[in-house]
N, C-alpha and C. Protein backbone atom coordinates (compact mmCIF):
# COMPACT_ATOMS: atom_id res chain seq x y z
N MET A 1 61.00 98.13 145.02
CA MET A 1 60.98 97.14 143.98
C MET A 1 61.78 97.61 142.78
N GLY A 2 61.61 98.88 142.42
CA GLY A 2 62.34 99.42 141.29
C GLY A 2 63.83 99.47 141.56
N GLY A 3 64.21 99.67 142.82
CA GLY A 3 65.62 99.71 143.19
C GLY A 3 66.31 98.37 142.97
N CYS A 4 65.62 97.27 143.21
CA CYS A 4 66.21 95.95 143.07
C CYS A 4 66.45 95.60 141.60
N SER A 5 65.49 95.95 140.75
CA SER A 5 65.65 95.61 139.34
C SER A 5 66.78 96.41 138.72
N SER A 6 67.00 97.64 139.21
CA SER A 6 68.11 98.42 138.67
C SER A 6 69.44 97.84 139.12
N CYS A 7 69.48 97.22 140.30
CA CYS A 7 70.71 96.59 140.78
C CYS A 7 71.10 95.42 139.89
N PHE A 8 70.13 94.60 139.49
CA PHE A 8 70.44 93.44 138.65
C PHE A 8 70.91 93.90 137.28
N GLY A 9 70.27 94.89 136.71
CA GLY A 9 70.68 95.40 135.40
C GLY A 9 72.05 96.04 135.46
N GLY A 10 72.35 96.75 136.52
CA GLY A 10 73.64 97.40 136.67
C GLY A 10 74.77 96.40 136.78
N SER A 11 74.55 95.32 137.48
CA SER A 11 75.59 94.31 137.65
C SER A 11 75.87 93.62 136.31
N ASN A 12 74.84 93.41 135.51
CA ASN A 12 75.02 92.79 134.21
C ASN A 12 75.83 93.71 133.29
N GLN A 13 75.53 94.99 133.31
CA GLN A 13 76.27 95.94 132.49
C GLN A 13 77.73 96.03 132.95
N LYS A 14 77.92 95.98 134.26
CA LYS A 14 79.27 96.04 134.81
C LYS A 14 80.07 94.81 134.36
N LYS A 15 79.44 93.65 134.39
CA LYS A 15 80.09 92.41 133.97
C LYS A 15 80.45 92.48 132.48
N GLU A 16 79.54 93.00 131.66
CA GLU A 16 79.81 93.13 130.22
C GLU A 16 80.98 94.07 129.97
N GLU A 17 81.05 95.16 130.72
CA GLU A 17 82.14 96.12 130.57
C GLU A 17 83.47 95.48 130.98
N GLU A 18 83.47 94.72 132.08
CA GLU A 18 84.68 94.02 132.51
C GLU A 18 85.14 93.01 131.47
N ASP A 19 84.18 92.27 130.90
CA ASP A 19 84.51 91.30 129.86
C ASP A 19 85.10 91.99 128.63
N ARG A 20 84.53 93.13 128.27
CA ARG A 20 85.01 93.87 127.10
C ARG A 20 86.45 94.35 127.34
N LEU A 21 86.71 94.87 128.53
CA LEU A 21 88.06 95.34 128.85
C LEU A 21 89.06 94.18 128.89
N GLU A 22 88.66 93.06 129.47
CA GLU A 22 89.54 91.89 129.50
C GLU A 22 89.85 91.40 128.09
N SER A 23 88.85 91.41 127.22
CA SER A 23 89.06 91.00 125.84
C SER A 23 90.02 91.94 125.12
N GLN A 24 89.86 93.22 125.37
CA GLN A 24 90.74 94.21 124.75
C GLN A 24 92.19 94.01 125.21
N VAL A 25 92.38 93.76 126.49
CA VAL A 25 93.72 93.53 127.02
C VAL A 25 94.30 92.26 126.40
N ALA A 26 93.49 91.23 126.31
CA ALA A 26 93.96 89.96 125.74
C ALA A 26 94.35 90.13 124.27
N ARG A 27 93.55 90.88 123.51
CA ARG A 27 93.88 91.13 122.10
C ARG A 27 95.18 91.91 121.97
N THR A 28 95.38 92.89 122.84
CA THR A 28 96.61 93.69 122.80
C THR A 28 97.82 92.82 123.10
N LYS A 29 97.72 91.98 124.13
CA LYS A 29 98.83 91.09 124.48
C LYS A 29 99.11 90.10 123.35
N ALA A 30 98.07 89.59 122.73
CA ALA A 30 98.25 88.64 121.62
C ALA A 30 98.93 89.32 120.44
N ALA A 31 98.55 90.56 120.14
CA ALA A 31 99.17 91.30 119.05
C ALA A 31 100.64 91.55 119.33
N GLU A 32 100.97 91.91 120.56
CA GLU A 32 102.37 92.13 120.93
C GLU A 32 103.17 90.85 120.81
N ALA A 33 102.60 89.73 121.26
CA ALA A 33 103.29 88.44 121.17
C ALA A 33 103.50 88.04 119.70
N ALA A 34 102.51 88.28 118.86
CA ALA A 34 102.63 87.95 117.44
C ALA A 34 103.71 88.81 116.78
N GLU A 35 103.77 90.07 117.15
CA GLU A 35 104.79 90.95 116.59
C GLU A 35 106.19 90.50 117.01
N LYS A 36 106.32 90.08 118.26
CA LYS A 36 107.61 89.59 118.75
C LYS A 36 108.02 88.32 118.01
N ARG A 37 107.06 87.39 117.81
CA ARG A 37 107.35 86.16 117.06
C ARG A 37 107.78 86.48 115.64
N GLN A 38 107.10 87.45 115.01
CA GLN A 38 107.42 87.83 113.64
C GLN A 38 108.84 88.41 113.56
N GLU A 39 109.21 89.25 114.52
CA GLU A 39 110.55 89.83 114.55
C GLU A 39 111.61 88.75 114.72
N GLU A 40 111.35 87.78 115.61
CA GLU A 40 112.29 86.69 115.82
C GLU A 40 112.42 85.83 114.57
N PHE A 41 111.30 85.60 113.88
CA PHE A 41 111.32 84.82 112.64
C PHE A 41 112.13 85.55 111.57
N ASN A 42 111.93 86.86 111.46
CA ASN A 42 112.65 87.64 110.46
C ASN A 42 114.16 87.60 110.70
N LYS A 43 114.58 87.51 111.96
CA LYS A 43 116.00 87.46 112.29
C LYS A 43 116.59 86.07 112.07
N SER A 44 115.76 85.05 112.04
CA SER A 44 116.26 83.68 111.91
C SER A 44 116.67 83.38 110.46
N ALA A 45 117.42 82.32 110.29
CA ALA A 45 117.85 81.90 108.95
C ALA A 45 116.63 81.53 108.09
N ALA A 46 115.67 80.86 108.70
CA ALA A 46 114.46 80.48 107.95
C ALA A 46 113.69 81.72 107.49
N GLY A 47 113.64 82.71 108.34
CA GLY A 47 112.95 83.95 107.98
C GLY A 47 113.64 84.68 106.85
N ARG A 48 114.97 84.75 106.91
CA ARG A 48 115.72 85.41 105.83
C ARG A 48 115.54 84.65 104.52
N ALA A 49 115.56 83.31 104.60
CA ALA A 49 115.37 82.50 103.40
C ALA A 49 113.97 82.69 102.82
N ALA A 50 112.97 82.77 103.69
CA ALA A 50 111.60 82.98 103.22
C ALA A 50 111.46 84.32 102.53
N HIS A 51 112.06 85.36 103.10
CA HIS A 51 111.99 86.68 102.47
C HIS A 51 112.73 86.70 101.13
N ALA A 52 113.86 85.99 101.05
CA ALA A 52 114.60 85.91 99.79
C ALA A 52 113.77 85.18 98.73
N GLN A 53 113.08 84.13 99.14
CA GLN A 53 112.23 83.37 98.21
C GLN A 53 111.08 84.23 97.70
N ILE A 54 110.46 84.98 98.60
CA ILE A 54 109.35 85.86 98.20
C ILE A 54 109.85 86.91 97.22
N ALA A 55 111.03 87.47 97.49
CA ALA A 55 111.59 88.48 96.59
C ALA A 55 111.91 87.88 95.23
N ALA A 56 112.43 86.65 95.21
CA ALA A 56 112.75 85.99 93.95
C ALA A 56 111.49 85.72 93.13
N VAL A 57 110.43 85.29 93.79
CA VAL A 57 109.17 85.03 93.09
C VAL A 57 108.60 86.33 92.53
N ALA A 58 108.67 87.40 93.31
CA ALA A 58 108.17 88.69 92.85
C ALA A 58 108.97 89.18 91.65
N ALA A 59 110.28 88.99 91.68
CA ALA A 59 111.13 89.41 90.56
C ALA A 59 110.82 88.58 89.32
N ALA A 60 110.60 87.29 89.50
CA ALA A 60 110.28 86.42 88.37
C ALA A 60 108.94 86.82 87.74
N LYS A 61 107.97 87.14 88.56
CA LYS A 61 106.67 87.57 88.03
C LYS A 61 106.80 88.88 87.28
N GLN A 62 107.61 89.79 87.82
CA GLN A 62 107.77 91.09 87.18
C GLN A 62 108.48 90.93 85.83
N SER A 63 109.50 90.10 85.75
CA SER A 63 110.21 89.92 84.49
C SER A 63 109.35 89.16 83.49
N ALA A 64 108.48 88.27 83.97
CA ALA A 64 107.58 87.54 83.07
C ALA A 64 106.55 88.48 82.46
N ASN A 65 106.15 89.51 83.21
CA ASN A 65 105.16 90.45 82.71
C ASN A 65 105.76 91.54 81.84
N ALA A 66 107.08 91.60 81.75
CA ALA A 66 107.74 92.66 80.98
C ALA A 66 107.46 92.53 79.49
N TYR A 67 107.26 91.32 79.00
CA TYR A 67 107.06 91.09 77.57
C TYR A 67 105.60 90.85 77.23
N LYS A 68 104.73 91.38 77.99
CA LYS A 68 103.31 91.17 77.79
C LYS A 68 102.89 91.73 76.43
N GLY A 69 102.10 90.99 75.72
CA GLY A 69 101.60 91.44 74.43
C GLY A 69 102.46 90.97 73.27
N GLU A 70 103.65 90.50 73.53
CA GLU A 70 104.53 90.02 72.47
C GLU A 70 104.65 88.50 72.61
N PRO A 71 104.50 87.77 71.52
CA PRO A 71 104.55 86.31 71.61
C PRO A 71 105.94 85.82 72.03
N ALA A 72 105.97 84.69 72.68
CA ALA A 72 107.23 84.12 73.14
C ALA A 72 108.04 83.60 71.96
N LEU A 73 107.37 83.00 70.99
CA LEU A 73 108.03 82.51 69.78
C LEU A 73 107.50 83.25 68.57
N LYS A 74 108.37 83.66 67.69
CA LYS A 74 107.95 84.32 66.46
C LYS A 74 108.18 83.37 65.31
N TRP A 75 107.13 83.07 64.60
CA TRP A 75 107.22 82.17 63.49
C TRP A 75 107.46 82.94 62.21
N GLN A 76 108.30 82.38 61.38
CA GLN A 76 108.55 82.99 60.07
C GLN A 76 108.35 81.94 59.01
N MET A 77 107.74 82.36 57.94
CA MET A 77 107.53 81.45 56.81
C MET A 77 108.53 81.81 55.72
N GLY A 78 109.15 80.81 55.12
CA GLY A 78 109.94 81.05 53.93
C GLY A 78 111.33 81.11 54.12
């Protein structure tokens, strides 16, 4: 009787291990495919334009922060 119950538990653990390994393989393949898509996008005209836009926005933010603490307009009386 004890032998039969251990068989059922063992098969369940084996199935869980197989599922875990399949999931790991699927995640690895998905990561590789995403990396390939990203590389192809970076090589495309749209990818280069997107990177140029991101760089321009970053440069604009950096130059906007250069004058922090000083007012944009200085008022003078008299």
